[in-house]
Amino acid sequence: YYEACNCEAVCPCRSEGDRRGGRSTYDSCDFVLSWLIERGQVDGRDLSGLAVVLAGSYSDDEPGSPWRVVVFVDENAGEDEQRDLADVFLGRLGGDTHRIYGRAIQDVSLVRPAAVEVVHVPGRWRIGVATFVEVRSTVAAVSEGPVTCGITDNLAGTELVSDVLVVAAPPFEWELRERCGFTSPFSYSG
C-alpha cells in the first residue's frame, strides 16, 4: 500500500505514537491510494502482481465525509480480473475493504483500465497511471512515534514526504508538492 494526500506530513488523519488520527490539515482530503498485490485471488482468479489506484476527495465538514473517487485498474488484467480489482477495492465484495473504508465511498465517477505502475522501493516510491496520476516520494518524514493508517487496518508503516502529487482525472485535478505520503504492507480478506 502506498498513498499520498494534500495534508502536511505527518498526516493528521493517521495515528502517530499516542496521538489518534483526526481531521485533515485543510479540512478536506484530496488523495491517491494504491495497492500492489503480491498474492491474492477472487473466486479462484489470480490477482497477484496486479495494481489498482483510487484518486478522490472528501470534506471533513460534509456529514459522513463521503468519498468521491475515480478508479484505475491494471490494464494487464483480464476483463474478469479488472472487475474483481474494482469490486474488491471499492468494498463492493464486503470483507476488510468494505469494513475499513468502502462504506465511505459514495460516488464513483470512473472505473477505467490503465497503465498502472506502483513502486515500493525505499527512496523511489511512485504511483503512475498513464497521463492521469503521478506521485513520487523519496524521503521518510520525521515522526514522534510509530505511524499507522486506517486503510491498512492500523498496521504501522512509513510516513513519507511526497515530492509531487499530480492528478488530472476529471472531476479531480490538482498539482501539489511537499505533502504527506504513507507506505505499509497490507493484508485484506473477504
C-alpha atoms as a PDB file:
ATOM      1  CA  TYR A   1       0.000   0.000   0.000  1.00  0.00           C
ATOM      2  CA  TYR A   2       1.237   3.494  -0.882  1.00  0.00           C
ATOM      3  CA  GLU A   3      -0.731   6.712  -0.708  1.00  0.00           C
ATOM      4  CA  ALA A   4      -0.375  10.474  -0.786  1.00  0.00           C
ATOM      5  CA  CYS A   5      -2.738  13.319   0.015  1.00  0.00           C
ATOM      6  CA  ASN A   6      -2.887  17.096   0.347  1.00  0.00           C
ATOM      7  CA  CYS A   7      -2.241  17.059   4.127  1.00  0.00           C
ATOM      8  CA  GLU A   8       1.020  18.149   5.694  1.00  0.00           C
ATOM      9  CA  ALA A   9       3.280  15.323   6.953  1.00  0.00           C
ATOM     10  CA  VAL A  10       2.725  13.639   9.367  1.00  0.00           C
ATOM     11  CA  CYS A  11      -0.860  13.388   8.099  1.00  0.00           C
ATOM     12  CA  PRO A  12      -3.186  14.302  10.980  1.00  0.00           C
ATOM     13  CA  CYS A  13      -5.636  11.617   9.800  1.00  0.00           C
ATOM     14  CA  ARG A  14      -3.145   8.934  10.837  1.00  0.00           C
ATOM     15  CA  SER A  15      -2.206   7.899  14.361  1.00  0.00           C
ATOM     16  CA  GLU A  16       1.286   8.930  15.424  1.00  0.00           C
ATOM     17  CA  GLY A  17       2.642   7.425  18.640  1.00  0.00           C
ATOM     18  CA  ASP A  18      -0.082   8.021  21.261  1.00  0.00           C
ATOM     19  CA  ARG A  19      -1.900  10.650  19.144  1.00  0.00           C
ATOM     20  CA  ARG A  20      -5.023   9.329  17.453  1.00  0.00           C
ATOM     21  CA  GLY A  21      -5.915  10.392  13.928  1.00  0.00           C
ATOM     22  CA  GLY A  22      -8.282  13.306  13.370  1.00  0.00           C
ATOM     23  CA  ARG A  23      -9.259  15.953  10.838  1.00  0.00           C
ATOM     24  CA  SER A  24      -7.410  16.705   7.618  1.00  0.00           C
ATOM     25  CA  THR A  25      -4.876  19.551   7.607  1.00  0.00           C
ATOM     26  CA  TYR A  26      -7.037  21.713   5.318  1.00  0.00           C
ATOM     27  CA  ASP A  27     -10.496  20.336   6.326  1.00  0.00           C
ATOM     28  CA  SER A  28     -10.678  18.273   3.132  1.00  0.00           C
ATOM     29  CA  CYS A  29      -8.645  15.443   1.696  1.00  0.00           C
ATOM     30  CA  ASP A  30      -7.530  15.126  -1.930  1.00  0.00           C
ATOM     31  CA  PHE A  31      -5.918  11.698  -2.138  1.00  0.00           C
ATOM     32  CA  VAL A  32      -4.361   8.967  -4.236  1.00  0.00           C
ATOM     33  CA  LEU A  33      -4.381   5.444  -2.784  1.00  0.00           C
ATOM     34  CA  SER A  34      -2.623   2.492  -4.414  1.00  0.00           C
ATOM     35  CA  TRP A  35      -2.249  -1.209  -3.851  1.00  0.00           C
ATOM     36  CA  LEU A  36       0.235  -3.593  -5.443  1.00  0.00           C
ATOM     37  CA  ILE A  37      -0.947  -7.155  -4.867  1.00  0.00           C
ATOM     38  CA  GLU A  38       1.794  -9.660  -4.066  1.00  0.00           C
ATOM     39  CA  ARG A  39      -0.610 -12.576  -3.598  1.00  0.00           C
ATOM     40  CA  GLY A  40      -4.360 -12.559  -3.973  1.00  0.00           C
ATOM     41  CA  GLN A  41      -7.364 -14.069  -5.653  1.00  0.00           C
ATOM     42  CA  VAL A  42     -11.113 -13.692  -6.041  1.00  0.00           C
ATOM     43  CA  ASP A  43     -13.189 -16.785  -6.756  1.00  0.00           C
ATOM     44  CA  GLY A  44     -10.072 -18.625  -7.947  1.00  0.00           C
ATOM     45  CA  ARG A  45      -8.975 -15.829 -10.303  1.00  0.00           C
ATOM     46  CA  ASP A  46      -5.365 -14.837  -9.549  1.00  0.00           C
ATOM     47  CA  LEU A  47      -4.765 -11.118  -8.934  1.00  0.00           C
ATOM     48  CA  SER A  48      -1.095 -11.499  -7.964  1.00  0.00           C
ATOM     49  CA  GLY A  49       1.178  -8.858  -9.484  1.00  0.00           C
ATOM     50  CA  LEU A  50      -1.693  -6.510 -10.362  1.00  0.00           C
ATOM     51  CA  ALA A  51      -2.243  -2.956  -9.134  1.00  0.00           C
ATOM     52  CA  VAL A  52      -5.166  -0.614  -8.522  1.00  0.00           C
ATOM     53  CA  VAL A  53      -5.302   3.135  -7.830  1.00  0.00           C
ATOM     54  CA  LEU A  54      -8.094   5.262  -6.337  1.00  0.00           C
ATOM     55  CA  ALA A  55      -7.968   9.046  -6.633  1.00  0.00           C
ATOM     56  CA  GLY A  56     -10.551  11.098  -4.841  1.00  0.00           C
ATOM     57  CA  SER A  57     -11.648  13.675  -2.379  1.00  0.00           C
ATOM     58  CA  TYR A  58     -13.800  14.226   0.707  1.00  0.00           C
ATOM     59  CA  SER A  59     -14.649  17.089   3.040  1.00  0.00           C
ATOM     60  CA  ASP A  60     -14.320  16.749   6.820  1.00  0.00           C
ATOM     61  CA  ASP A  61     -17.270  19.143   7.182  1.00  0.00           C
ATOM     62  CA  GLU A  62     -19.737  17.254   4.970  1.00  0.00           C
ATOM     63  CA  PRO A  63     -21.909  14.911   7.062  1.00  0.00           C
ATOM     64  CA  GLY A  64     -20.351  11.433   6.906  1.00  0.00           C
ATOM     65  CA  SER A  65     -17.392  12.774   4.866  1.00  0.00           C
ATOM     66  CA  PRO A  66     -18.452  10.797   1.747  1.00  0.00           C
ATOM     67  CA  TRP A  67     -15.688   9.906  -0.684  1.00  0.00           C
ATOM     68  CA  ARG A  68     -15.900  10.732  -4.369  1.00  0.00           C
ATOM     69  CA  VAL A  69     -13.446   8.648  -6.399  1.00  0.00           C
ATOM     70  CA  VAL A  70     -12.130   7.518  -9.753  1.00  0.00           C
ATOM     71  CA  VAL A  71     -10.620   4.043 -10.011  1.00  0.00           C
ATOM     72  CA  PHE A  72      -7.849   2.814 -12.283  1.00  0.00           C
ATOM     73  CA  VAL A  73      -7.407  -0.933 -12.628  1.00  0.00           C
ATOM     74  CA  ASP A  74      -4.344  -2.596 -14.113  1.00  0.00           C
ATOM     75  CA  GLU A  75      -4.717  -2.890 -17.887  1.00  0.00           C
ATOM     76  CA  ASN A  76      -2.612  -6.083 -17.713  1.00  0.00           C
ATOM     77  CA  ALA A  77      -5.529  -7.861 -16.035  1.00  0.00           C
ATOM     78  CA  GLY A  78      -8.203  -9.691 -17.965  1.00  0.00           C
ATOM     79  CA  GLU A  79     -11.759  -8.340 -18.019  1.00  0.00           C
ATOM     80  CA  ASP A  80     -12.905 -10.501 -15.080  1.00  0.00           C
ATOM     81  CA  GLU A  81      -9.818  -9.603 -13.034  1.00  0.00           C
ATOM     82  CA  GLN A  82     -10.305  -5.885 -13.762  1.00  0.00           C
ATOM     83  CA  ARG A  83     -13.862  -6.160 -12.458  1.00  0.00           C
ATOM     84  CA  ASP A  84     -12.546  -8.051  -9.408  1.00  0.00           C
ATOM     85  CA  LEU A  85      -9.978  -5.309  -8.692  1.00  0.00           C
ATOM     86  CA  ALA A  86     -12.653  -2.606  -8.841  1.00  0.00           C
ATOM     87  CA  ASP A  87     -15.102  -4.595  -6.722  1.00  0.00           C
ATOM     88  CA  VAL A  88     -12.535  -5.511  -4.061  1.00  0.00           C
ATOM     89  CA  PHE A  89     -11.004  -2.061  -3.650  1.00  0.00           C
ATOM     90  CA  LEU A  90     -14.333  -0.239  -3.787  1.00  0.00           C
ATOM     91  CA  GLY A  91     -15.562  -2.517  -0.975  1.00  0.00           C
ATOM     92  CA  ARG A  92     -18.343  -3.990  -3.126  1.00  0.00           C
ATOM     93  CA  LEU A  93     -17.465  -7.563  -2.145  1.00  0.00           C
ATOM     94  CA  GLY A  94     -17.606  -6.892   1.597  1.00  0.00           C
ATOM     95  CA  GLY A  95     -14.700  -8.037   3.718  1.00  0.00           C
ATOM     96  CA  ASP A  96     -11.922  -5.837   5.053  1.00  0.00           C
ATOM     97  CA  THR A  97     -12.083  -3.139   2.364  1.00  0.00           C
ATOM     98  CA  HIS A  98     -15.799  -2.632   2.971  1.00  0.00           C
ATOM     99  CA  ARG A  99     -15.288  -2.573   6.752  1.00  0.00           C
ATOM    100  CA  ILE A 100     -12.239  -0.279   6.723  1.00  0.00           C
ATOM    101  CA  TYR A 101     -13.178   2.382   4.135  1.00  0.00           C
ATOM    102  CA  GLY A 102     -15.569   1.054   1.469  1.00  0.00           C
ATOM    103  CA  ARG A 103     -18.736   2.361   3.095  1.00  0.00           C
ATOM    104  CA  ALA A 104     -17.344   5.911   2.838  1.00  0.00           C
ATOM    105  CA  ILE A 105     -17.272   5.712  -0.995  1.00  0.00           C
ATOM    106  CA  GLN A 106     -20.478   7.373  -2.184  1.00  0.00           C
ATOM    107  CA  ASP A 107     -19.691   8.445  -5.743  1.00  0.00           C
ATOM    108  CA  VAL A 108     -17.593   6.562  -8.304  1.00  0.00           C
ATOM    109  CA  SER A 109     -17.108   8.821 -11.339  1.00  0.00           C
ATOM    110  CA  LEU A 110     -14.993   6.419 -13.360  1.00  0.00           C
ATOM    111  CA  VAL A 111     -13.632   2.869 -13.373  1.00  0.00           C
ATOM    112  CA  ARG A 112     -11.040   2.558 -16.111  1.00  0.00           C
ATOM    113  CA  PRO A 113      -8.311   0.130 -17.170  1.00  0.00           C
ATOM    114  CA  ALA A 114      -4.996   1.951 -17.498  1.00  0.00           C
ATOM    115  CA  ALA A 115      -1.246   1.507 -17.458  1.00  0.00           C
ATOM    116  CA  VAL A 116      -0.633   1.442 -13.696  1.00  0.00           C
ATOM    117  CA  GLU A 117       2.808   1.441 -12.101  1.00  0.00           C
ATOM    118  CA  VAL A 118       3.249   1.204  -8.337  1.00  0.00           C
ATOM    119  CA  VAL A 119       6.817   1.182  -6.998  1.00  0.00           C
ATOM    120  CA  HIS A 120       7.528   0.278  -3.362  1.00  0.00           C
ATOM    121  CA  VAL A 121      11.294   0.771  -3.341  1.00  0.00           C
ATOM    122  CA  PRO A 122      12.563   2.943  -0.462  1.00  0.00           C
ATOM    123  CA  GLY A 123      13.722   6.290  -1.796  1.00  0.00           C
ATOM    124  CA  ARG A 124      11.900   5.706  -5.110  1.00  0.00           C
ATOM    125  CA  TRP A 125       8.247   5.299  -4.155  1.00  0.00           C
ATOM    126  CA  ARG A 126       5.983   6.004  -7.123  1.00  0.00           C
ATOM    127  CA  ILE A 127       2.414   5.792  -8.352  1.00  0.00           C
ATOM    128  CA  GLY A 128       1.924   6.350 -12.066  1.00  0.00           C
ATOM    129  CA  VAL A 129      -1.294   5.974 -14.012  1.00  0.00           C
ATOM    130  CA  ALA A 130      -0.897   6.769 -17.717  1.00  0.00           C
ATOM    131  CA  THR A 131      -1.396  10.547 -18.051  1.00  0.00           C
ATOM    132  CA  PHE A 132      -3.815  10.720 -15.098  1.00  0.00           C
ATOM    133  CA  VAL A 133      -1.755  10.353 -11.895  1.00  0.00           C
ATOM    134  CA  GLU A 134       1.861  10.932 -10.859  1.00  0.00           C
ATOM    135  CA  VAL A 135       3.001  10.589  -7.239  1.00  0.00           C
ATOM    136  CA  ARG A 136       6.622  10.371  -6.115  1.00  0.00           C
ATOM    137  CA  SER A 137       8.260  10.251  -2.702  1.00  0.00           C
ATOM    138  CA  THR A 138      11.948   9.995  -1.917  1.00  0.00           C
ATOM    139  CA  VAL A 139      12.264  10.628   1.831  1.00  0.00           C
ATOM    140  CA  ALA A 140      10.608   9.466   5.010  1.00  0.00           C
ATOM    141  CA  ALA A 141       9.022  12.137   7.203  1.00  0.00           C
ATOM    142  CA  VAL A 142      10.154  12.728  10.770  1.00  0.00           C
ATOM    143  CA  SER A 143       7.599  11.345  13.241  1.00  0.00           C
ATOM    144  CA  GLU A 144       7.164  11.314  17.019  1.00  0.00           C
ATOM    145  CA  GLY A 145       6.496   7.573  17.153  1.00  0.00           C
ATOM    146  CA  PRO A 146       5.046   4.760  15.061  1.00  0.00           C
ATOM    147  CA  VAL A 147       2.644   5.913  12.352  1.00  0.00           C
ATOM    148  CA  THR A 148      -0.408   3.823  11.489  1.00  0.00           C
ATOM    149  CA  CYS A 149      -3.112   4.235   8.871  1.00  0.00           C
ATOM    150  CA  GLY A 150      -6.695   3.031   8.955  1.00  0.00           C
ATOM    151  CA  ILE A 151      -6.594   1.958   5.303  1.00  0.00           C
ATOM    152  CA  THR A 152      -4.028  -0.718   6.214  1.00  0.00           C
ATOM    153  CA  ASP A 153      -6.162  -1.704   9.232  1.00  0.00           C
ATOM    154  CA  ASN A 154      -3.787   0.207  11.532  1.00  0.00           C
ATOM    155  CA  LEU A 155      -0.603  -1.603  10.573  1.00  0.00           C
ATOM    156  CA  ALA A 156       2.474   0.511  11.217  1.00  0.00           C
ATOM    157  CA  GLY A 157       4.161   1.949   8.163  1.00  0.00           C
ATOM    158  CA  THR A 158       6.436   4.711   6.988  1.00  0.00           C
ATOM    159  CA  GLU A 159       5.252   8.315   6.770  1.00  0.00           C
ATOM    160  CA  LEU A 160       6.682   9.965   3.657  1.00  0.00           C
ATOM    161  CA  VAL A 161       7.014  13.395   2.149  1.00  0.00           C
ATOM    162  CA  SER A 162       5.598  13.348  -1.378  1.00  0.00           C
ATOM    163  CA  ASP A 163       7.764  15.319  -3.778  1.00  0.00           C
ATOM    164  CA  VAL A 164       4.926  15.548  -6.283  1.00  0.00           C
ATOM    165  CA  LEU A 165       1.219  14.672  -6.246  1.00  0.00           C
ATOM    166  CA  VAL A 166      -0.468  15.335  -9.589  1.00  0.00           C
ATOM    167  CA  VAL A 167      -3.950  14.210 -10.578  1.00  0.00           C
ATOM    168  CA  ALA A 168      -5.554  15.038 -13.930  1.00  0.00           C
ATOM    169  CA  ALA A 169      -8.572  12.737 -13.847  1.00  0.00           C
ATOM    170  CA  PRO A 170     -11.807  14.755 -14.040  1.00  0.00           C
ATOM    171  CA  PRO A 171     -13.535  15.652 -11.875  1.00  0.00           C
ATOM    172  CA  PHE A 172     -10.251  15.698  -9.905  1.00  0.00           C
ATOM    173  CA  GLU A 173      -7.372  17.936 -10.884  1.00  0.00           C
ATOM    174  CA  TRP A 174      -4.570  19.122  -8.633  1.00  0.00           C
ATOM    175  CA  GLU A 175      -0.817  19.540  -8.527  1.00  0.00           C
ATOM    176  CA  LEU A 176       0.825  19.595  -5.096  1.00  0.00           C
ATOM    177  CA  ARG A 177       4.361  19.388  -3.765  1.00  0.00           C
ATOM    178  CA  GLU A 178       5.888  18.523  -0.392  1.00  0.00           C
ATOM    179  CA  ARG A 179       2.760  16.902   1.087  1.00  0.00           C
ATOM    180  CA  CYS A 180       2.297  13.699   3.025  1.00  0.00           C
ATOM    181  CA  GLY A 181       2.550  10.113   1.882  1.00  0.00           C
ATOM    182  CA  PHE A 182       2.471   6.738   3.581  1.00  0.00           C
ATOM    183  CA  THR A 183       3.521   3.204   2.736  1.00  0.00           C
ATOM    184  CA  SER A 184       2.790  -0.049   4.542  1.00  0.00           C
ATOM    185  CA  PRO A 185       2.191  -3.716   3.922  1.00  0.00           C
ATOM    186  CA  PHE A 186      -1.463  -4.751   3.992  1.00  0.00           C
ATOM    187  CA  SER A 187      -3.495  -7.914   4.179  1.00  0.00           C
ATOM    188  CA  TYR A 188      -7.164  -7.869   3.218  1.00  0.00           C
ATOM    189  CA  SER A 189      -9.611 -10.748   3.263  1.00  0.00           C
ATOM    190  CA  GLY A 190     -13.245 -11.154   2.350  1.00  0.00           C
END
